[in-house]
C-alpha atoms as a PDB file:
ATOM      1  CA  MET A   1     139.579  59.677 112.349  1.00  0.00           C
ATOM      2  CA  SER A   2     139.339  62.094 115.288  1.00  0.00           C
ATOM      3  CA  ALA A   3     137.461  61.193 118.348  1.00  0.00           C
ATOM      4  CA  ILE A   4     133.788  61.885 118.665  1.00  0.00           C
ATOM      5  CA  LYS A   5     133.120  64.200 121.614  1.00  0.00           C
ATOM      6  CA  VAL A   6     130.105  63.346 123.681  1.00  0.00           C
ATOM      7  CA  VAL A   7     129.075  65.696 126.523  1.00  0.00           C
ATOM      8  CA  VAL A   8     126.358  65.060 129.102  1.00  0.00           C
ATOM      9  CA  THR A   9     125.109  68.474 130.400  1.00  0.00           C
ATOM     10  CA  ASP A  10     123.300  66.985 133.509  1.00  0.00           C
ATOM     11  CA  TYR A  11     122.156  63.656 134.794  1.00  0.00           C
ATOM     12  CA  ILE A  12     120.150  61.981 137.523  1.00  0.00           C
ATOM     13  CA  GLU A  13     122.012  58.669 137.870  1.00  0.00           C
ATOM     14  CA  PRO A  14     124.420  58.264 140.796  1.00  0.00           C
ATOM     15  CA  ASP A  15     127.237  58.205 138.281  1.00  0.00           C
ATOM     16  CA  LEU A  16     127.865  57.459 134.599  1.00  0.00           C
ATOM     17  CA  GLU A  17     130.794  55.072 134.991  1.00  0.00           C
ATOM     18  CA  TRP A  18     128.921  52.378 133.048  1.00  0.00           C
ATOM     19  CA  GLU A  19     128.440  54.671 130.113  1.00  0.00           C
ATOM     20  CA  ARG A  20     132.090  55.726 130.252  1.00  0.00           C
ATOM     21  CA  GLU A  21     133.224  52.034 130.195  1.00  0.00           C
ATOM     22  CA  GLU A  22     130.920  51.097 127.376  1.00  0.00           C
ATOM     23  CA  LEU A  23     131.929  53.998 125.177  1.00  0.00           C
ATOM     24  CA  ALA A  24     135.677  53.536 126.031  1.00  0.00           C
ATOM     25  CA  LYS A  25     135.395  50.136 124.325  1.00  0.00           C
ATOM     26  CA  LEU A  26     134.897  51.889 121.002  1.00  0.00           C
ATOM     27  CA  GLY A  27     138.322  53.582 121.258  1.00  0.00           C
ATOM     28  CA  ASP A  28     137.312  56.868 119.485  1.00  0.00           C
ATOM     29  CA  VAL A  29     134.717  58.460 121.796  1.00  0.00           C
ATOM     30  CA  ASP A  30     135.682  61.256 124.185  1.00  0.00           C
ATOM     31  CA  PHE A  31     133.011  61.086 126.914  1.00  0.00           C
ATOM     32  CA  GLN A  32     132.579  63.938 129.389  1.00  0.00           C
ATOM     33  CA  ALA A  33     129.796  64.412 131.960  1.00  0.00           C
ATOM     34  CA  TYR A  34     128.882  67.390 134.066  1.00  0.00           C
ATOM     35  CA  GLN A  35     126.085  68.622 136.351  1.00  0.00           C
ATOM     36  CA  MET A  36     125.096  71.906 134.607  1.00  0.00           C
ATOM     37  CA  LYS A  37     121.341  71.905 135.009  1.00  0.00           C
ATOM     38  CA  PHE A  38     121.396  75.469 136.365  1.00  0.00           C
ATOM     39  CA  ALA A  39     124.650  76.702 134.801  1.00  0.00           C
ATOM     40  CA  PRO A  40     124.701  80.111 133.090  1.00  0.00           C
ATOM     41  CA  VAL A  41     124.807  80.047 129.331  1.00  0.00           C
ATOM     42  CA  ALA A  42     128.495  80.977 129.123  1.00  0.00           C
ATOM     43  CA  GLU A  43     129.486  78.199 131.523  1.00  0.00           C
ATOM     44  CA  LEU A  44     127.337  75.654 129.634  1.00  0.00           C
ATOM     45  CA  LEU A  45     128.698  76.570 126.333  1.00  0.00           C
ATOM     46  CA  ALA A  46     132.320  76.441 127.591  1.00  0.00           C
ATOM     47  CA  LYS A  47     131.769  72.731 128.095  1.00  0.00           C
ATOM     48  CA  ILE A  48     129.657  71.825 125.094  1.00  0.00           C
ATOM     49  CA  HIS A  49     130.454  74.292 122.273  1.00  0.00           C
ATOM     50  CA  ASP A  50     132.703  71.690 120.521  1.00  0.00           C
ATOM     51  CA  ALA A  51     130.726  68.526 121.256  1.00  0.00           C
ATOM     52  CA  ASP A  52     129.562  66.287 118.407  1.00  0.00           C
ATOM     53  CA  VAL A  53     126.819  64.730 120.605  1.00  0.00           C
ATOM     54  CA  ILE A  54     125.089  66.388 123.535  1.00  0.00           C
ATOM     55  CA  VAL A  55     123.038  64.368 126.081  1.00  0.00           C
ATOM     56  CA  VAL A  56     120.736  66.623 128.018  1.00  0.00           C
ATOM     57  CA  ASN A  57     118.439  65.910 130.947  1.00  0.00           C
ATOM     58  CA  MET A  58     117.032  69.257 132.132  1.00  0.00           C
ATOM     59  CA  ALA A  59     119.619  71.856 131.190  1.00  0.00           C
ATOM     60  CA  PRO A  60     117.812  74.404 128.835  1.00  0.00           C
ATOM     61  CA  MET A  61     118.957  73.962 125.252  1.00  0.00           C
ATOM     62  CA  THR A  62     117.753  77.378 124.149  1.00  0.00           C
ATOM     63  CA  ALA A  63     118.216  79.011 120.759  1.00  0.00           C
ATOM     64  CA  GLU A  64     121.138  81.032 122.321  1.00  0.00           C
ATOM     65  CA  VAL A  65     122.870  77.901 123.474  1.00  0.00           C
ATOM     66  CA  ILE A  66     122.249  76.069 120.178  1.00  0.00           C
ATOM     67  CA  ALA A  67     123.660  79.071 118.250  1.00  0.00           C
ATOM     68  CA  GLY A  68     126.848  78.682 120.176  1.00  0.00           C
ATOM     69  CA  LEU A  69     127.400  75.009 119.102  1.00  0.00           C
ATOM     70  CA  LYS A  70     130.221  74.602 116.673  1.00  0.00           C
ATOM     71  CA  ARG A  71     130.209  70.938 115.824  1.00  0.00           C
ATOM     72  CA  CYS A  72     127.043  69.384 117.291  1.00  0.00           C
ATOM     73  CA  ARG A  73     125.050  67.074 115.027  1.00  0.00           C
ATOM     74  CA  LEU A  74     122.985  65.266 117.620  1.00  0.00           C
ATOM     75  CA  ILE A  75     121.177  66.238 120.819  1.00  0.00           C
ATOM     76  CA  ILE A  76     119.766  63.422 122.759  1.00  0.00           C
ATOM     77  CA  ARG A  77     117.093  64.251 125.379  1.00  0.00           C
ATOM     78  CA  HIS A  78     117.359  61.956 128.433  1.00  0.00           C
ATOM     79  CA  GLY A  79     113.608  61.213 128.601  1.00  0.00           C
ATOM     80  CA  ILE A  80     110.340  61.389 126.635  1.00  0.00           C
ATOM     81  CA  GLY A  81     109.521  65.081 126.624  1.00  0.00           C
ATOM     82  CA  TYR A  82     111.819  67.542 124.935  1.00  0.00           C
ATOM     83  CA  ASP A  83     110.351  70.921 125.764  1.00  0.00           C
ATOM     84  CA  ASN A  84     113.679  72.166 127.223  1.00  0.00           C
ATOM     85  CA  VAL A  85     115.205  71.822 123.716  1.00  0.00           C
ATOM     86  CA  ASP A  86     114.487  74.458 121.120  1.00  0.00           C
ATOM     87  CA  VAL A  87     113.813  71.993 118.360  1.00  0.00           C
ATOM     88  CA  ALA A  88     113.278  74.690 115.656  1.00  0.00           C
ATOM     89  CA  ALA A  89     116.646  76.222 116.372  1.00  0.00           C
ATOM     90  CA  ALA A  90     118.295  72.826 116.256  1.00  0.00           C
ATOM     91  CA  THR A  91     116.561  71.965 112.998  1.00  0.00           C
ATOM     92  CA  ALA A  92     117.572  75.279 111.462  1.00  0.00           C
ATOM     93  CA  LYS A  93     121.226  74.455 112.247  1.00  0.00           C
ATOM     94  CA  GLY A  94     120.963  70.887 110.923  1.00  0.00           C
ATOM     95  CA  ILE A  95     121.144  69.241 114.309  1.00  0.00           C
ATOM     96  CA  THR A  96     119.233  66.087 114.911  1.00  0.00           C
ATOM     97  CA  VAL A  97     117.164  65.947 118.074  1.00  0.00           C
ATOM     98  CA  ALA A  98     116.338  62.538 119.522  1.00  0.00           C
ATOM     99  CA  ASN A  99     114.462  61.386 122.621  1.00  0.00           C
ATOM    100  CA  ILE A 100     113.834  58.121 124.398  1.00  0.00           C
ATOM    101  CA  PRO A 101     110.041  57.654 124.355  1.00  0.00           C
ATOM    102  CA  ASP A 102     110.088  53.925 124.996  1.00  0.00           C
ATOM    103  CA  TYR A 103     111.935  53.564 128.275  1.00  0.00           C
ATOM    104  CA  CYS A 104     109.201  54.035 130.918  1.00  0.00           C
ATOM    105  CA  PRO A 105     105.718  53.932 129.417  1.00  0.00           C
ATOM    106  CA  ASP A 106     104.665  51.139 131.772  1.00  0.00           C
ATOM    107  CA  GLU A 107     105.943  53.013 134.847  1.00  0.00           C
ATOM    108  CA  VAL A 108     104.148  56.253 133.951  1.00  0.00           C
ATOM    109  CA  ALA A 109     100.961  54.324 133.214  1.00  0.00           C
ATOM    110  CA  GLU A 110     101.184  52.675 136.633  1.00  0.00           C
ATOM    111  CA  GLN A 111     101.846  56.057 138.279  1.00  0.00           C
ATOM    112  CA  ALA A 112      98.789  57.542 136.602  1.00  0.00           C
ATOM    113  CA  ILE A 113      96.553  54.663 137.738  1.00  0.00           C
ATOM    114  CA  ALA A 114      98.010  54.951 141.262  1.00  0.00           C
ATOM    115  CA  LEU A 115      97.062  58.602 141.364  1.00  0.00           C
ATOM    116  CA  ILE A 116      93.637  57.930 139.842  1.00  0.00           C
ATOM    117  CA  MET A 117      92.925  55.429 142.589  1.00  0.00           C
ATOM    118  CA  GLY A 118      94.457  57.721 145.217  1.00  0.00           C
ATOM    119  CA  VAL A 119      92.233  60.667 144.478  1.00  0.00           C
ATOM    120  CA  TRP A 120      89.205  58.566 143.803  1.00  0.00           C
ATOM    121  CA  ARG A 121      89.516  56.756 147.162  1.00  0.00           C
ATOM    122  CA  GLY A 122      90.308  59.989 148.985  1.00  0.00           C
ATOM    123  CA  LEU A 123      93.716  58.951 150.284  1.00  0.00           C
ATOM    124  CA  GLY A 124      94.776  62.468 151.109  1.00  0.00           C
ATOM    125  CA  ILE A 125      91.671  63.200 153.064  1.00  0.00           C
ATOM    126  CA  GLY A 126      91.780  59.767 154.616  1.00  0.00           C
ATOM    127  CA  ARG A 127      95.312  60.432 156.007  1.00  0.00           C
ATOM    128  CA  ARG A 128      94.038  63.591 157.619  1.00  0.00           C
ATOM    129  CA  ILE A 129      91.074  61.770 159.214  1.00  0.00           C
ATOM    130  CA  LEU A 130      93.372  59.010 160.430  1.00  0.00           C
ATOM    131  CA  GLU A 131      95.692  61.465 162.209  1.00  0.00           C
ATOM    132  CA  GLU A 132      92.814  63.419 163.673  1.00  0.00           C
ATOM    133  CA  SER A 133      91.130  60.265 164.859  1.00  0.00           C
ATOM    134  CA  SER A 134      94.414  58.990 166.349  1.00  0.00           C
ATOM    135  CA  ARG A 135      94.721  62.151 168.425  1.00  0.00           C
ATOM    136  CA  ARG A 136      91.116  61.821 169.608  1.00  0.00           C
ATOM    137  CA  GLY A 137      91.431  58.128 170.309  1.00  0.00           C
ATOM    138  CA  GLN A 138      88.312  57.291 168.233  1.00  0.00           C
ATOM    139  CA  TRP A 139      87.260  57.231 164.635  1.00  0.00           C
ATOM    140  CA  ASP A 140      85.566  60.412 163.268  1.00  0.00           C
ATOM    141  CA  PHE A 141      84.487  60.238 159.666  1.00  0.00           C
ATOM    142  CA  SER A 142      82.270  63.343 159.875  1.00  0.00           C
ATOM    143  CA  THR A 143      84.506  65.318 157.445  1.00  0.00           C
ATOM    144  CA  LEU A 144      84.820  62.504 154.975  1.00  0.00           C
ATOM    145  CA  PRO A 145      83.238  63.519 151.629  1.00  0.00           C
ATOM    146  CA  PRO A 146      81.159  60.942 149.633  1.00  0.00           C
ATOM    147  CA  ILE A 147      83.363  58.171 148.059  1.00  0.00           C
ATOM    148  CA  HIS A 148      81.720  56.360 145.175  1.00  0.00           C
ATOM    149  CA  ARG A 149      82.420  53.037 143.536  1.00  0.00           C
ATOM    150  CA  LEU A 150      84.679  53.503 140.488  1.00  0.00           C
ATOM    151  CA  GLU A 151      82.914  50.807 138.480  1.00  0.00           C
ATOM    152  CA  GLY A 152      80.560  52.368 135.961  1.00  0.00           C
ATOM    153  CA  LYS A 153      82.243  55.826 136.052  1.00  0.00           C
ATOM    154  CA  THR A 154      83.982  57.504 133.122  1.00  0.00           C
ATOM    155  CA  ILE A 155      87.673  58.127 132.756  1.00  0.00           C
ATOM    156  CA  GLY A 156      88.904  60.447 130.099  1.00  0.00           C
ATOM    157  CA  ILE A 157      92.335  59.916 128.607  1.00  0.00           C
ATOM    158  CA  VAL A 158      93.969  62.925 126.930  1.00  0.00           C
ATOM    159  CA  GLY A 159      96.588  61.617 124.564  1.00  0.00           C
ATOM    160  CA  PHE A 160      96.611  58.109 123.198  1.00  0.00           C
ATOM    161  CA  GLY A 161     100.330  57.361 122.576  1.00  0.00           C
ATOM    162  CA  ARG A 162     102.499  54.820 124.315  1.00  0.00           C
ATOM    163  CA  ILE A 163     101.406  55.896 127.821  1.00  0.00           C
ATOM    164  CA  GLY A 164      97.806  56.808 127.217  1.00  0.00           C
ATOM    165  CA  SER A 165      97.102  53.598 125.426  1.00  0.00           C
ATOM    166  CA  ARG A 166      98.663  51.592 128.318  1.00  0.00           C
ATOM    167  CA  VAL A 167      96.414  53.406 130.783  1.00  0.00           C
ATOM    168  CA  TYR A 168      93.491  52.453 128.559  1.00  0.00           C
ATOM    169  CA  ASN A 169      94.450  48.784 128.522  1.00  0.00           C
ATOM    170  CA  ARG A 170      95.156  48.576 132.278  1.00  0.00           C
ATOM    171  CA  LEU A 171      91.792  50.249 133.148  1.00  0.00           C
ATOM    172  CA  ALA A 172      89.882  47.598 131.097  1.00  0.00           C
ATOM    173  CA  GLY A 173      89.476  45.431 134.159  1.00  0.00           C
ATOM    174  CA  PHE A 174      88.051  48.183 136.362  1.00  0.00           C
ATOM    175  CA  GLY A 175      84.611  48.190 134.761  1.00  0.00           C
ATOM    176  CA  VAL A 176      84.864  51.814 133.789  1.00  0.00           C
ATOM    177  CA  ASP A 177      83.787  53.626 130.635  1.00  0.00           C
ATOM    178  CA  ILE A 178      86.644  55.251 128.877  1.00  0.00           C
ATOM    179  CA  LEU A 179      86.780  58.293 126.597  1.00  0.00           C
ATOM    180  CA  VAL A 180      89.833  59.365 124.518  1.00  0.00           C
ATOM    181  CA  THR A 181      90.884  62.552 122.825  1.00  0.00           C
ATOM    182  CA  ASP A 182      93.827  62.748 120.530  1.00  0.00           C
ATOM    183  CA  PRO A 183      93.786  64.725 117.267  1.00  0.00           C
ATOM    184  CA  TYR A 184      96.884  63.009 115.827  1.00  0.00           C
ATOM    185  CA  LEU A 185      95.727  59.424 115.712  1.00  0.00           C
ATOM    186  CA  THR A 186      95.937  57.312 112.547  1.00  0.00           C
ATOM    187  CA  GLN A 187      92.659  56.300 110.949  1.00  0.00           C
ATOM    188  CA  GLU A 188      93.242  52.770 112.061  1.00  0.00           C
ATOM    189  CA  ARG A 189      93.444  53.756 115.670  1.00  0.00           C
ATOM    190  CA  ARG A 190      90.462  56.084 115.300  1.00  0.00           C
ATOM    191  CA  ASP A 191      88.461  53.225 113.892  1.00  0.00           C
ATOM    192  CA  MET A 192      89.565  50.983 116.770  1.00  0.00           C
ATOM    193  CA  LEU A 193      88.320  53.501 119.408  1.00  0.00           C
ATOM    194  CA  GLY A 194      85.068  54.274 117.581  1.00  0.00           C
ATOM    195  CA  GLU A 195      82.687  56.265 119.762  1.00  0.00           C
ATOM    196  CA  LYS A 196      85.178  56.394 122.575  1.00  0.00           C
ATOM    197  CA  LEU A 197      87.121  59.022 120.631  1.00  0.00           C
ATOM    198  CA  VAL A 198      85.617  62.417 121.304  1.00  0.00           C
ATOM    199  CA  PRO A 199      86.660  66.086 121.273  1.00  0.00           C
ATOM    200  CA  LEU A 200      88.431  67.432 124.384  1.00  0.00           C
ATOM    201  CA  ASP A 201      85.454  69.569 125.469  1.00  0.00           C
ATOM    202  CA  GLU A 202      83.137  66.592 125.398  1.00  0.00           C
ATOM    203  CA  LEU A 203      85.671  64.503 127.309  1.00  0.00           C
ATOM    204  CA  LEU A 204      85.976  67.104 130.004  1.00  0.00           C
ATOM    205  CA  ARG A 205      82.169  67.390 130.451  1.00  0.00           C
ATOM    206  CA  ARG A 206      81.540  63.670 130.669  1.00  0.00           C
ATOM    207  CA  SER A 207      84.518  62.358 132.608  1.00  0.00           C
ATOM    208  CA  ASP A 208      84.727  61.614 136.243  1.00  0.00           C
ATOM    209  CA  VAL A 209      88.435  61.485 136.140  1.00  0.00           C
ATOM    210  CA  VAL A 210      90.636  63.150 133.435  1.00  0.00           C
ATOM    211  CA  THR A 211      94.201  61.842 133.064  1.00  0.00           C
ATOM    212  CA  LEU A 212      96.723  63.700 130.885  1.00  0.00           C
ATOM    213  CA  HIS A 213      99.179  61.957 128.543  1.00  0.00           C
ATOM    214  CA  ALA A 214      99.965  64.521 125.892  1.00  0.00           C
ATOM    215  CA  LEU A 215     103.281  65.878 124.814  1.00  0.00           C
ATOM    216  CA  LEU A 216     103.934  69.501 125.799  1.00  0.00           C
ATOM    217  CA  ASN A 217     104.272  71.916 122.884  1.00  0.00           C
ATOM    218  CA  LYS A 218     102.921  75.235 121.716  1.00  0.00           C
ATOM    219  CA  GLU A 219      99.545  73.674 120.941  1.00  0.00           C
ATOM    220  CA  THR A 220      99.158  71.843 124.299  1.00  0.00           C
ATOM    221  CA  HIS A 221     100.581  74.471 126.609  1.00  0.00           C
ATOM    222  CA  HIS A 222      97.947  75.285 129.237  1.00  0.00           C
ATOM    223  CA  MET A 223      95.417  73.123 127.333  1.00  0.00           C
ATOM    224  CA  ILE A 224      93.710  72.757 130.704  1.00  0.00           C
ATOM    225  CA  GLY A 225      92.905  76.211 132.146  1.00  0.00           C
ATOM    226  CA  ARG A 226      90.073  78.174 133.723  1.00  0.00           C
ATOM    227  CA  GLU A 227      87.655  77.554 130.808  1.00  0.00           C
ATOM    228  CA  GLN A 228      88.311  73.801 130.872  1.00  0.00           C
ATOM    229  CA  PHE A 229      87.923  73.411 134.582  1.00  0.00           C
ATOM    230  CA  LYS A 230      84.534  75.138 134.371  1.00  0.00           C
ATOM    231  CA  MET A 231      83.518  72.406 131.856  1.00  0.00           C
ATOM    232  CA  MET A 232      84.386  69.627 134.238  1.00  0.00           C
ATOM    233  CA  LYS A 233      82.005  68.054 136.755  1.00  0.00           C
ATOM    234  CA  LYS A 234      82.321  69.437 140.252  1.00  0.00           C
ATOM    235  CA  SER A 235      82.772  65.841 141.350  1.00  0.00           C
ATOM    236  CA  ALA A 236      85.620  65.160 138.824  1.00  0.00           C
ATOM    237  CA  PHE A 237      89.304  64.771 139.419  1.00  0.00           C
ATOM    238  CA  LEU A 238      92.331  65.827 137.263  1.00  0.00           C
ATOM    239  CA  VAL A 239      95.491  63.589 137.139  1.00  0.00           C
ATOM    240  CA  ASN A 240      98.712  64.801 135.487  1.00  0.00           C
ATOM    241  CA  THR A 241     101.694  62.531 135.096  1.00  0.00           C
ATOM    242  CA  ALA A 242     102.852  64.027 131.797  1.00  0.00           C
ATOM    243  CA  ARG A 243     104.081  67.672 131.890  1.00  0.00           C
ATOM    244  CA  ALA A 244     103.173  70.473 134.294  1.00  0.00           C
ATOM    245  CA  GLY A 245     102.847  72.999 131.390  1.00  0.00           C
ATOM    246  CA  LEU A 246      99.810  71.161 130.086  1.00  0.00           C
ATOM    247  CA  VAL A 247      97.891  72.690 133.020  1.00  0.00           C
ATOM    248  CA  ASP A 248      97.564  76.309 134.073  1.00  0.00           C
ATOM    249  CA  THR A 249      98.608  75.702 137.678  1.00  0.00           C
ATOM    250  CA  GLN A 250      97.060  78.908 139.022  1.00  0.00           C
ATOM    251  CA  ALA A 251      93.793  77.998 137.330  1.00  0.00           C
ATOM    252  CA  LEU A 252      94.057  74.495 138.936  1.00  0.00           C
ATOM    253  CA  ILE A 253      94.604  76.034 142.429  1.00  0.00           C
ATOM    254  CA  GLU A 254      91.585  78.304 141.947  1.00  0.00           C
ATOM    255  CA  ALA A 255      89.398  75.463 140.654  1.00  0.00           C
ATOM    256  CA  LEU A 256      90.236  73.407 143.740  1.00  0.00           C
ATOM    257  CA  GLU A 257      89.768  76.371 146.089  1.00  0.00           C
ATOM    258  CA  GLN A 258      86.430  77.221 144.593  1.00  0.00           C
ATOM    259  CA  GLY A 259      85.153  73.625 144.342  1.00  0.00           C
ATOM    260  CA  GLU A 260      84.963  73.597 140.544  1.00  0.00           C
ATOM    261  CA  ILE A 261      86.513  70.123 140.690  1.00  0.00           C
ATOM    262  CA  ALA A 262      86.745  67.629 143.538  1.00  0.00           C
ATOM    263  CA  GLY A 263      90.478  67.057 143.589  1.00  0.00           C
ATOM    264  CA  ALA A 264      93.730  66.208 141.694  1.00  0.00           C
ATOM    265  CA  GLY A 265      96.595  63.820 141.506  1.00  0.00           C
ATOM    266  CA  ILE A 266      99.777  65.557 140.367  1.00  0.00           C
ATOM    267  CA  ASP A 267     103.299  64.137 139.621  1.00  0.00           C
ATOM    268  CA  VAL A 268     104.842  67.088 137.605  1.00  0.00           C
ATOM    269  CA  TYR A 269     105.370  70.692 138.539  1.00  0.00           C
ATOM    270  CA  ASP A 270     106.211  73.995 136.834  1.00  0.00           C
ATOM    271  CA  LYS A 271     109.132  74.358 139.203  1.00  0.00           C
ATOM    272  CA  GLU A 272     110.713  71.108 140.409  1.00  0.00           C
ATOM    273  CA  PRO A 273     110.767  70.518 143.252  1.00  0.00           C
ATOM    274  CA  PRO A 274     107.947  72.938 144.064  1.00  0.00           C
ATOM    275  CA  PRO A 275     108.609  75.584 146.676  1.00  0.00           C
ATOM    276  CA  PRO A 276     107.606  74.950 150.347  1.00  0.00           C
ATOM    277  CA  ASP A 277     104.668  77.419 150.142  1.00  0.00           C
ATOM    278  CA  PHE A 278     103.197  75.548 147.072  1.00  0.00           C
ATOM    279  CA  PRO A 279      99.400  75.902 147.627  1.00  0.00           C
ATOM    280  CA  LEU A 280      98.648  72.302 146.690  1.00  0.00           C
ATOM    281  CA  PHE A 281     100.630  71.121 149.757  1.00  0.00           C
ATOM    282  CA  ARG A 282      97.853  72.326 152.077  1.00  0.00           C
ATOM    283  CA  MET A 283      95.017  70.647 150.152  1.00  0.00           C
ATOM    284  CA  ASP A 284      94.022  67.247 151.404  1.00  0.00           C
ATOM    285  CA  ASN A 285      91.948  66.526 148.276  1.00  0.00           C
ATOM    286  CA  VAL A 286      95.162  66.498 146.236  1.00  0.00           C
ATOM    287  CA  VAL A 287      97.499  63.517 146.068  1.00  0.00           C
ATOM    288  CA  LEU A 288     101.043  64.534 145.171  1.00  0.00           C
ATOM    289  CA  SER A 289     104.073  62.501 144.090  1.00  0.00           C
ATOM    290  CA  PRO A 290     107.620  63.791 143.420  1.00  0.00           C
ATOM    291  CA  HIS A 291     107.806  63.296 139.657  1.00  0.00           C
ATOM    292  CA  LEU A 292     108.199  59.524 140.054  1.00  0.00           C
ATOM    293  CA  GLY A 293     106.300  58.434 136.919  1.00  0.00           C
ATOM    294  CA  TRP A 294     109.575  57.522 135.240  1.00  0.00           C
ATOM    295  CA  CYS A 295     110.931  55.598 138.200  1.00  0.00           C
ATOM    296  CA  SER A 296     111.821  51.897 138.310  1.00  0.00           C
ATOM    297  CA  VAL A 297     115.067  50.044 138.469  1.00  0.00           C
ATOM    298  CA  GLU A 298     114.335  48.515 135.097  1.00  0.00           C
ATOM    299  CA  ALA A 299     113.499  51.864 133.393  1.00  0.00           C
ATOM    300  CA  GLY A 300     116.568  53.424 134.901  1.00  0.00           C
ATOM    301  CA  TRP A 301     118.786  50.944 133.136  1.00  0.00           C
ATOM    302  CA  ASP A 302     116.706  50.933 129.944  1.00  0.00           C
ATOM    303  CA  ILE A 303     117.273  54.596 129.333  1.00  0.00           C
ATOM    304  CA  ARG A 304     120.983  54.333 129.918  1.00  0.00           C
ATOM    305  CA  VAL A 305     121.273  51.432 127.498  1.00  0.00           C
ATOM    306  CA  LYS A 306     119.148  53.146 124.839  1.00  0.00           C
ATOM    307  CA  ILE A 307     121.124  56.406 124.990  1.00  0.00           C
ATOM    308  CA  VAL A 308     124.448  54.590 124.589  1.00  0.00           C
ATOM    309  CA  GLU A 309     122.922  52.752 121.666  1.00  0.00           C
ATOM    310  CA  ASP A 310     122.061  55.995 120.016  1.00  0.00           C
ATOM    311  CA  ILE A 311     125.567  57.366 120.535  1.00  0.00           C
ATOM    312  CA  LYS A 312     126.903  54.173 118.943  1.00  0.00           C
ATOM    313  CA  ARG A 313     124.523  54.581 116.083  1.00  0.00           C
ATOM    314  CA  PHE A 314     125.765  58.112 115.549  1.00  0.00           C
ATOM    315  CA  ARG A 315     129.373  56.936 115.536  1.00  0.00           C
ATOM    316  CA  ASN A 316     128.507  54.390 112.893  1.00  0.00           C
ATOM    317  CA  GLY A 317     126.781  56.955 110.645  1.00  0.00           C
ATOM    318  CA  GLU A 318     123.248  55.698 111.558  1.00  0.00           C
ATOM    319  CA  ARG A 319     120.180  57.665 112.764  1.00  0.00           C
ATOM    320  CA  PRO A 320     119.117  57.494 116.374  1.00  0.00           C
ATOM    321  CA  ARG A 321     116.152  55.193 117.078  1.00  0.00           C
ATOM    322  CA  PHE A 322     113.658  58.061 117.522  1.00  0.00           C
ATOM    323  CA  VAL A 323     114.071  61.370 115.710  1.00  0.00           C
ATOM    324  CA  VAL A 324     112.078  64.368 116.911  1.00  0.00           C
ATOM    325  CA  ASN A 325     112.807  66.522 113.864  1.00  0.00           C
ATOM    326  CA  PRO A 326     113.052  64.325 110.724  1.00  0.00           C
ATOM    327  CA  GLU A 327     113.080  67.599 108.719  1.00  0.00           C
ATOM    328  CA  VAL A 328     116.804  67.545 109.150  1.00  0.00           C
ATOM    329  CA  PHE A 329     116.801  64.569 106.742  1.00  0.00           C
ATOM    330  CA  GLY A 330     114.374  66.256 104.324  1.00  0.00           C
ATOM    331  CA  GLU A 331     111.397  64.316 105.704  1.00  0.00           C
ATOM    332  CA  GLU A 332     108.034  65.583 107.031  1.00  0.00           C
ATOM    333  CA  ALA A 333     107.493  65.686 110.764  1.00  0.00           C
ATOM    334  CA  LYS A 334     105.408  62.865 112.150  1.00  0.00           C
ATOM    335  CA  CYS A 335     103.027  63.456 115.012  1.00  0.00           C
END
């Protein structure tokens, strides 16, 4: 039997020596790793065209790239979201697309709650006041906007999957009311939520904080835009630790500048990292973090182990743990 060729297009780990050693134990896996996140299509295809398995972090797996693949039967997305993979093109070519949705749900939930608390307690504004007071040599809270007790307020959770449900459970001890919107829930989960499950428009109108935990796809792209910001309370905050594309960033900037919402907590960006002149950098009612929702030592190792497990499963003729496009097996897609 010829060796299975596995190619990593790009990665965020310091190195992939552990993966190389683990797969070398199998004796029939040719493992190659590159940093081609920004490589032109021709350069990317030169390295991956004859791969059986492709592991991709952020390199775009477009329809053009997928069309140039000769042997590929599995694309593994290093992460939860897979919006940089043209799933329809892969499906049409009989290529299975897998992701790793279970490696960092606790970390993202913690990041979301950190940002919720950060914007609610005015940490960005507080830092400015601290620095200004330090220069004056005395406290000056004259520019501090009203800060309210979180208990009794309403938090809206958009998306109730692995991460959204963890945010829900962790907020239980804060004494807040919680609303949820998610059109893809099973009847059992809908029954469990009861009156807490509401349409998006109602959630936006009633919530004091809206936190996003939906997948990015054609249906959810820019699901929060100018119209939605106008529905929100002027005292409300938006938190996004999911995908930047869920929010129309220009509409968010305008909503903040015009006082349509009180502030935002953001961990994900249309361009990463955002450019130095990114307008949100100059707003002290915005708490920003550098796409750290995934980050912990434990999660970093979890995803490496789970990706190697999926490669081994492929070698043994088994399906990956999580399949994005079960249509390749003649099954219906599951939301």
